[in-house]
Amino acid sequence: MSASLQDETGARVACFLRQEYPTNTAKHVAGKFDISVDTAKGYLKGNLPQSATFLAMMAFYGARFAAYVLEPAGPWASALAVDASLDEIENRISTVKRQLREIRRASD
């Protein structure tokens, strides 16, 4: 991985984590991924996570994390963005269906 790609990817990890946890970011990340607060602070400075933590982040946050963080790696990452959008749409549909069932039960 070139230094510029590595820097860009690290910056994107930091940005994503800050969006997920706007306050006490390092503490949230440390607790979520069983790492030290100092290590989490390093990620927030743009250091790339070690591979095990990076994979754990991809597993936890899913396609939207992978799409955002890996986008500079090449156009193939755009397929991840589509997957992330589909995941979000499916989650919204599930929520609406659940709400509809609750409304119907309440009116019976």
N, C-alpha and C. Protein backbone atom coordinates (compact mmCIF):
# COMPACT_ATOMS: atom_id res chain seq x y z
N MET A 1 0.86 -1.17 0.00
CA MET A 1 0.00 0.00 0.00
C MET A 1 0.91 1.23 0.00
N SER A 2 0.64 2.16 -0.90
CA SER A 2 1.45 3.37 -0.96
C SER A 2 1.21 4.22 0.28
N ALA A 3 2.18 5.05 0.60
CA ALA A 3 2.06 5.89 1.80
C ALA A 3 0.85 6.81 1.71
N SER A 4 0.59 7.37 0.53
CA SER A 4 -0.56 8.28 0.39
C SER A 4 -1.88 7.53 0.55
N LEU A 5 -1.97 6.32 0.02
CA LEU A 5 -3.18 5.52 0.18
C LEU A 5 -3.35 5.12 1.65
N GLN A 6 -2.26 4.79 2.28
CA GLN A 6 -2.30 4.43 3.69
C GLN A 6 -2.75 5.64 4.53
N ASP A 7 -2.22 6.82 4.24
CA ASP A 7 -2.60 8.03 4.95
C ASP A 7 -4.08 8.35 4.75
N GLU A 8 -4.54 8.25 3.51
CA GLU A 8 -5.95 8.53 3.20
C GLU A 8 -6.87 7.53 3.90
N THR A 9 -6.51 6.26 3.89
CA THR A 9 -7.33 5.24 4.54
C THR A 9 -7.37 5.47 6.05
N GLY A 10 -6.22 5.78 6.64
CA GLY A 10 -6.19 6.08 8.07
C GLY A 10 -7.04 7.28 8.42
N ALA A 11 -6.99 8.32 7.60
CA ALA A 11 -7.81 9.51 7.83
C ALA A 11 -9.30 9.18 7.73
N ARG A 12 -9.65 8.28 6.81
CA ARG A 12 -11.04 7.90 6.65
C ARG A 12 -11.54 7.06 7.84
N VAL A 13 -10.68 6.20 8.36
CA VAL A 13 -11.06 5.44 9.57
C VAL A 13 -11.34 6.42 10.70
N ALA A 14 -10.45 7.39 10.89
CA ALA A 14 -10.63 8.39 11.94
C ALA A 14 -11.93 9.16 11.76
N CYS A 15 -12.20 9.59 10.55
CA CYS A 15 -13.42 10.35 10.26
C CYS A 15 -14.67 9.51 10.55
N PHE A 16 -14.65 8.27 10.10
CA PHE A 16 -15.80 7.38 10.31
C PHE A 16 -16.06 7.21 11.80
N LEU A 17 -15.01 6.95 12.56
CA LEU A 17 -15.17 6.72 14.00
C LEU A 17 -15.69 7.97 14.70
N ARG A 18 -15.23 9.12 14.28
CA ARG A 18 -15.73 10.37 14.88
C ARG A 18 -17.20 10.60 14.55
N GLN A 19 -17.62 10.18 13.36
CA GLN A 19 -19.03 10.31 13.01
C GLN A 19 -19.89 9.36 13.84
N GLU A 20 -19.38 8.17 14.09
CA GLU A 20 -20.11 7.19 14.89
C GLU A 20 -20.21 7.61 16.35
N TYR A 21 -19.14 8.16 16.87
CA TYR A 21 -19.06 8.53 18.29
C TYR A 21 -18.55 9.96 18.40
N PRO A 22 -19.44 10.94 18.27
CA PRO A 22 -19.02 12.34 18.26
C PRO A 22 -18.38 12.81 19.58
N THR A 23 -18.73 12.18 20.68
CA THR A 23 -18.13 12.53 21.96
C THR A 23 -17.46 11.31 22.55
N ASN A 24 -16.39 11.54 23.28
CA ASN A 24 -15.62 10.45 23.91
C ASN A 24 -15.28 9.35 22.90
N THR A 25 -14.89 9.76 21.72
CA THR A 25 -14.66 8.82 20.62
C THR A 25 -13.67 7.72 21.00
N ALA A 26 -12.52 8.11 21.53
CA ALA A 26 -11.49 7.12 21.85
C ALA A 26 -11.99 6.11 22.87
N LYS A 27 -12.71 6.57 23.87
CA LYS A 27 -13.24 5.66 24.90
C LYS A 27 -14.24 4.67 24.30
N HIS A 28 -15.12 5.17 23.44
CA HIS A 28 -16.09 4.28 22.80
C HIS A 28 -15.40 3.23 21.94
N VAL A 29 -14.44 3.68 21.13
CA VAL A 29 -13.74 2.77 20.23
C VAL A 29 -12.94 1.75 21.04
N ALA A 30 -12.27 2.19 22.08
CA ALA A 30 -11.49 1.27 22.92
C ALA A 30 -12.38 0.20 23.53
N GLY A 31 -13.52 0.60 24.05
CA GLY A 31 -14.45 -0.37 24.64
C GLY A 31 -15.05 -1.32 23.63
N LYS A 32 -15.38 -0.79 22.48
CA LYS A 32 -16.03 -1.60 21.44
C LYS A 32 -15.10 -2.67 20.88
N PHE A 33 -13.80 -2.33 20.74
CA PHE A 33 -12.88 -3.24 20.07
C PHE A 33 -11.78 -3.79 20.99
N ASP A 34 -11.99 -3.63 22.28
CA ASP A 34 -11.08 -4.21 23.29
C ASP A 34 -9.63 -3.80 23.03
N ILE A 35 -9.43 -2.51 22.88
CA ILE A 35 -8.09 -1.95 22.69
C ILE A 35 -7.89 -0.85 23.73
N SER A 36 -6.68 -0.39 23.88
CA SER A 36 -6.42 0.68 24.85
C SER A 36 -6.92 2.02 24.29
N VAL A 37 -7.19 2.93 25.19
CA VAL A 37 -7.60 4.28 24.78
C VAL A 37 -6.48 4.94 23.98
N ASP A 38 -5.24 4.71 24.37
CA ASP A 38 -4.11 5.28 23.62
C ASP A 38 -4.07 4.75 22.19
N THR A 39 -4.35 3.47 22.02
CA THR A 39 -4.38 2.90 20.66
C THR A 39 -5.51 3.55 19.86
N ALA A 40 -6.67 3.69 20.48
CA ALA A 40 -7.81 4.33 19.81
C ALA A 40 -7.47 5.77 19.44
N LYS A 41 -6.77 6.47 20.32
CA LYS A 41 -6.36 7.85 20.01
C LYS A 41 -5.43 7.87 18.80
N GLY A 42 -4.59 6.86 18.69
CA GLY A 42 -3.74 6.75 17.50
C GLY A 42 -4.55 6.62 16.23
N TYR A 43 -5.62 5.82 16.28
CA TYR A 43 -6.49 5.68 15.11
C TYR A 43 -7.12 7.02 14.76
N LEU A 44 -7.50 7.77 15.79
CA LEU A 44 -8.13 9.07 15.56
C LEU A 44 -7.15 10.10 15.01
N LYS A 45 -5.86 9.82 15.13
CA LYS A 45 -4.83 10.68 14.54
C LYS A 45 -4.51 10.24 13.10
N GLY A 46 -5.14 9.15 12.66
CA GLY A 46 -4.93 8.69 11.29
C GLY A 46 -4.09 7.44 11.16
N ASN A 47 -3.65 6.87 12.27
CA ASN A 47 -2.92 5.60 12.19
C ASN A 47 -3.89 4.49 11.82
N LEU A 48 -3.47 3.64 10.90
CA LEU A 48 -4.34 2.52 10.52
C LEU A 48 -4.41 1.49 11.64
N PRO A 49 -5.59 0.95 11.89
CA PRO A 49 -5.70 -0.13 12.87
C PRO A 49 -4.92 -1.36 12.42
N GLN A 50 -4.48 -2.15 13.41
CA GLN A 50 -3.88 -3.44 13.07
C GLN A 50 -4.93 -4.28 12.37
N SER A 51 -4.49 -5.26 11.61
CA SER A 51 -5.41 -6.01 10.76
C SER A 51 -6.56 -6.65 11.55
N ALA A 52 -6.30 -7.20 12.71
CA ALA A 52 -7.37 -7.84 13.48
C ALA A 52 -8.44 -6.82 13.88
N THR A 53 -8.01 -5.65 14.29
CA THR A 53 -8.97 -4.61 14.68
C THR A 53 -9.69 -4.08 13.45
N PHE A 54 -8.96 -3.90 12.36
CA PHE A 54 -9.58 -3.41 11.12
C PHE A 54 -10.66 -4.39 10.65
N LEU A 55 -10.37 -5.67 10.70
CA LEU A 55 -11.36 -6.68 10.32
C LEU A 55 -12.55 -6.68 11.27
N ALA A 56 -12.28 -6.50 12.56
CA ALA A 56 -13.38 -6.42 13.53
C ALA A 56 -14.26 -5.21 13.24
N MET A 57 -13.65 -4.11 12.85
CA MET A 57 -14.43 -2.91 12.50
C MET A 57 -15.29 -3.18 11.27
N MET A 58 -14.71 -3.84 10.27
CA MET A 58 -15.49 -4.15 9.07
C MET A 58 -16.65 -5.07 9.41
N ALA A 59 -16.40 -6.05 10.26
CA ALA A 59 -17.48 -6.98 10.65
C ALA A 59 -18.56 -6.25 11.42
N PHE A 60 -18.17 -5.35 12.30
CA PHE A 60 -19.15 -4.65 13.15
C PHE A 60 -19.94 -3.60 12.37
N TYR A 61 -19.25 -2.75 11.60
CA TYR A 61 -19.92 -1.65 10.92
C TYR A 61 -20.43 -2.02 9.54
N GLY A 62 -19.91 -3.08 8.97
CA GLY A 62 -20.42 -3.59 7.71
C GLY A 62 -19.98 -2.81 6.47
N ALA A 63 -20.80 -2.93 5.45
CA ALA A 63 -20.45 -2.41 4.13
C ALA A 63 -20.27 -0.90 4.11
N ARG A 64 -21.01 -0.16 4.93
CA ARG A 64 -20.85 1.30 4.88
C ARG A 64 -19.47 1.72 5.36
N PHE A 65 -18.92 1.01 6.36
CA PHE A 65 -17.55 1.28 6.81
C PHE A 65 -16.57 0.92 5.70
N ALA A 66 -16.70 -0.28 5.18
CA ALA A 66 -15.78 -0.73 4.14
C ALA A 66 -15.84 0.18 2.92
N ALA A 67 -17.02 0.57 2.51
CA ALA A 67 -17.16 1.43 1.34
C ALA A 67 -16.50 2.78 1.56
N TYR A 68 -16.72 3.37 2.72
CA TYR A 68 -16.16 4.68 3.00
C TYR A 68 -14.64 4.63 3.15
N VAL A 69 -14.18 3.68 3.93
CA VAL A 69 -12.76 3.61 4.25
C VAL A 69 -11.92 3.15 3.06
N LEU A 70 -12.44 2.22 2.28
CA LEU A 70 -11.67 1.63 1.18
C LEU A 70 -11.88 2.32 -0.16
N GLU A 71 -12.73 3.32 -0.22
CA GLU A 71 -13.03 4.00 -1.49
C GLU A 71 -11.78 4.45 -2.23
N PRO A 72 -10.75 4.99 -1.57
CA PRO A 72 -9.56 5.41 -2.32
C PRO A 72 -8.78 4.25 -2.95
N ALA A 73 -9.07 3.01 -2.55
CA ALA A 73 -8.32 1.87 -3.07
C ALA A 73 -8.65 1.55 -4.52
N GLY A 74 -9.77 2.03 -5.00
CA GLY A 74 -10.11 1.79 -6.40
C GLY A 74 -11.60 1.75 -6.64
N PRO A 75 -11.99 1.73 -7.91
CA PRO A 75 -13.40 1.77 -8.27
C PRO A 75 -14.20 0.55 -7.81
N TRP A 76 -13.52 -0.56 -7.56
CA TRP A 76 -14.22 -1.75 -7.08
C TRP A 76 -14.93 -1.48 -5.75
N ALA A 77 -14.45 -0.50 -5.00
CA ALA A 77 -15.06 -0.20 -3.70
C ALA A 77 -16.45 0.41 -3.84
N SER A 78 -16.78 0.92 -5.04
CA SER A 78 -18.12 1.49 -5.22
C SER A 78 -19.20 0.43 -5.07
N ALA A 79 -18.88 -0.82 -5.37
CA ALA A 79 -19.85 -1.90 -5.15
C ALA A 79 -20.18 -2.03 -3.67
N LEU A 80 -19.21 -1.76 -2.82
CA LEU A 80 -19.46 -1.79 -1.38
C LEU A 80 -20.44 -0.69 -0.98
N ALA A 81 -20.33 0.46 -1.62
CA ALA A 81 -21.25 1.57 -1.33
C ALA A 81 -22.68 1.18 -1.70
N VAL A 82 -22.84 0.48 -2.81
CA VAL A 82 -24.17 0.01 -3.20
C VAL A 82 -24.70 -0.97 -2.16
N ASP A 83 -23.85 -1.89 -1.72
CA ASP A 83 -24.25 -2.84 -0.68
C ASP A 83 -24.65 -2.12 0.60
N ALA A 84 -23.90 -1.08 0.96
CA ALA A 84 -24.22 -0.32 2.17
C ALA A 84 -25.58 0.35 2.03
N SER A 85 -25.86 0.90 0.85
CA SER A 85 -27.16 1.54 0.62
C SER A 85 -28.29 0.52 0.70
N LEU A 86 -28.06 -0.64 0.12
CA LEU A 86 -29.09 -1.69 0.18
C LEU A 86 -29.32 -2.14 1.61
N ASP A 87 -28.26 -2.28 2.39
CA ASP A 87 -28.41 -2.65 3.81
C ASP A 87 -29.24 -1.62 4.55
N GLU A 88 -28.97 -0.35 4.29
CA GLU A 88 -29.71 0.72 4.95
C GLU A 88 -31.19 0.69 4.56
N ILE A 89 -31.46 0.48 3.29
CA ILE A 89 -32.84 0.40 2.81
C ILE A 89 -33.56 -0.79 3.45
N GLU A 90 -32.90 -1.94 3.49
CA GLU A 90 -33.50 -3.12 4.11
C GLU A 90 -33.78 -2.90 5.58
N ASN A 91 -32.89 -2.22 6.27
CA ASN A 91 -33.12 -1.91 7.69
C ASN A 91 -34.31 -0.98 7.86
N ARG A 92 -34.43 0.00 6.99
CA ARG A 92 -35.58 0.92 7.06
C ARG A 92 -36.88 0.18 6.79
N ILE A 93 -36.88 -0.71 5.81
CA ILE A 93 -38.07 -1.49 5.50
C ILE A 93 -38.47 -2.34 6.70
N SER A 94 -37.51 -2.98 7.33
CA SER A 94 -37.79 -3.79 8.52
C SER A 94 -38.39 -2.95 9.63
N THR A 95 -37.86 -1.77 9.82
CA THR A 95 -38.38 -0.87 10.86
C THR A 95 -39.82 -0.48 10.56
N VAL A 96 -40.10 -0.11 9.32
CA VAL A 96 -41.46 0.29 8.94
C VAL A 96 -42.42 -0.89 9.10
N LYS A 97 -42.01 -2.08 8.70
CA LYS A 97 -42.87 -3.26 8.86
C LYS A 97 -43.18 -3.53 10.33
N ARG A 98 -42.15 -3.40 11.18
CA ARG A 98 -42.35 -3.61 12.61
C ARG A 98 -43.32 -2.56 13.17
N GLN A 99 -43.16 -1.31 12.78
CA GLN A 99 -44.05 -0.26 13.24
C GLN A 99 -45.47 -0.49 12.76
N LEU A 100 -45.61 -0.95 11.54
CA LEU A 100 -46.94 -1.24 10.99
C LEU A 100 -47.61 -2.37 11.77
N ARG A 101 -46.85 -3.43 12.10
CA ARG A 101 -47.41 -4.52 12.91
C ARG A 101 -47.87 -4.02 14.27
N GLU A 102 -47.09 -3.15 14.88
CA GLU A 102 -47.45 -2.60 16.19
C GLU A 102 -48.71 -1.77 16.11
N ILE A 103 -48.84 -0.98 15.06
CA ILE A 103 -50.04 -0.14 14.87
C ILE A 103 -51.26 -1.04 14.67
N ARG A 104 -51.12 -2.07 13.88
CA ARG A 104 -52.24 -2.98 13.62
C ARG A 104 -52.67 -3.69 14.89
N ARG A 105 -51.67 -4.15 15.70
CA ARG A 105 -52.00 -4.81 16.96
C ARG A 105 -52.72 -3.87 17.91
N ALA A 106 -52.29 -2.63 17.95
CA ALA A 106 -52.90 -1.65 18.85
C ALA A 106 -54.33 -1.32 18.45
N SER A 107 -54.64 -1.42 17.14
CA SER A 107 -55.99 -1.08 16.68
C SER A 107 -56.95 -2.26 16.71
N ASP A 108 -56.45 -3.47 16.98
CA ASP A 108 -57.32 -4.65 17.06
C ASP A 108 -58.06 -4.73 18.37
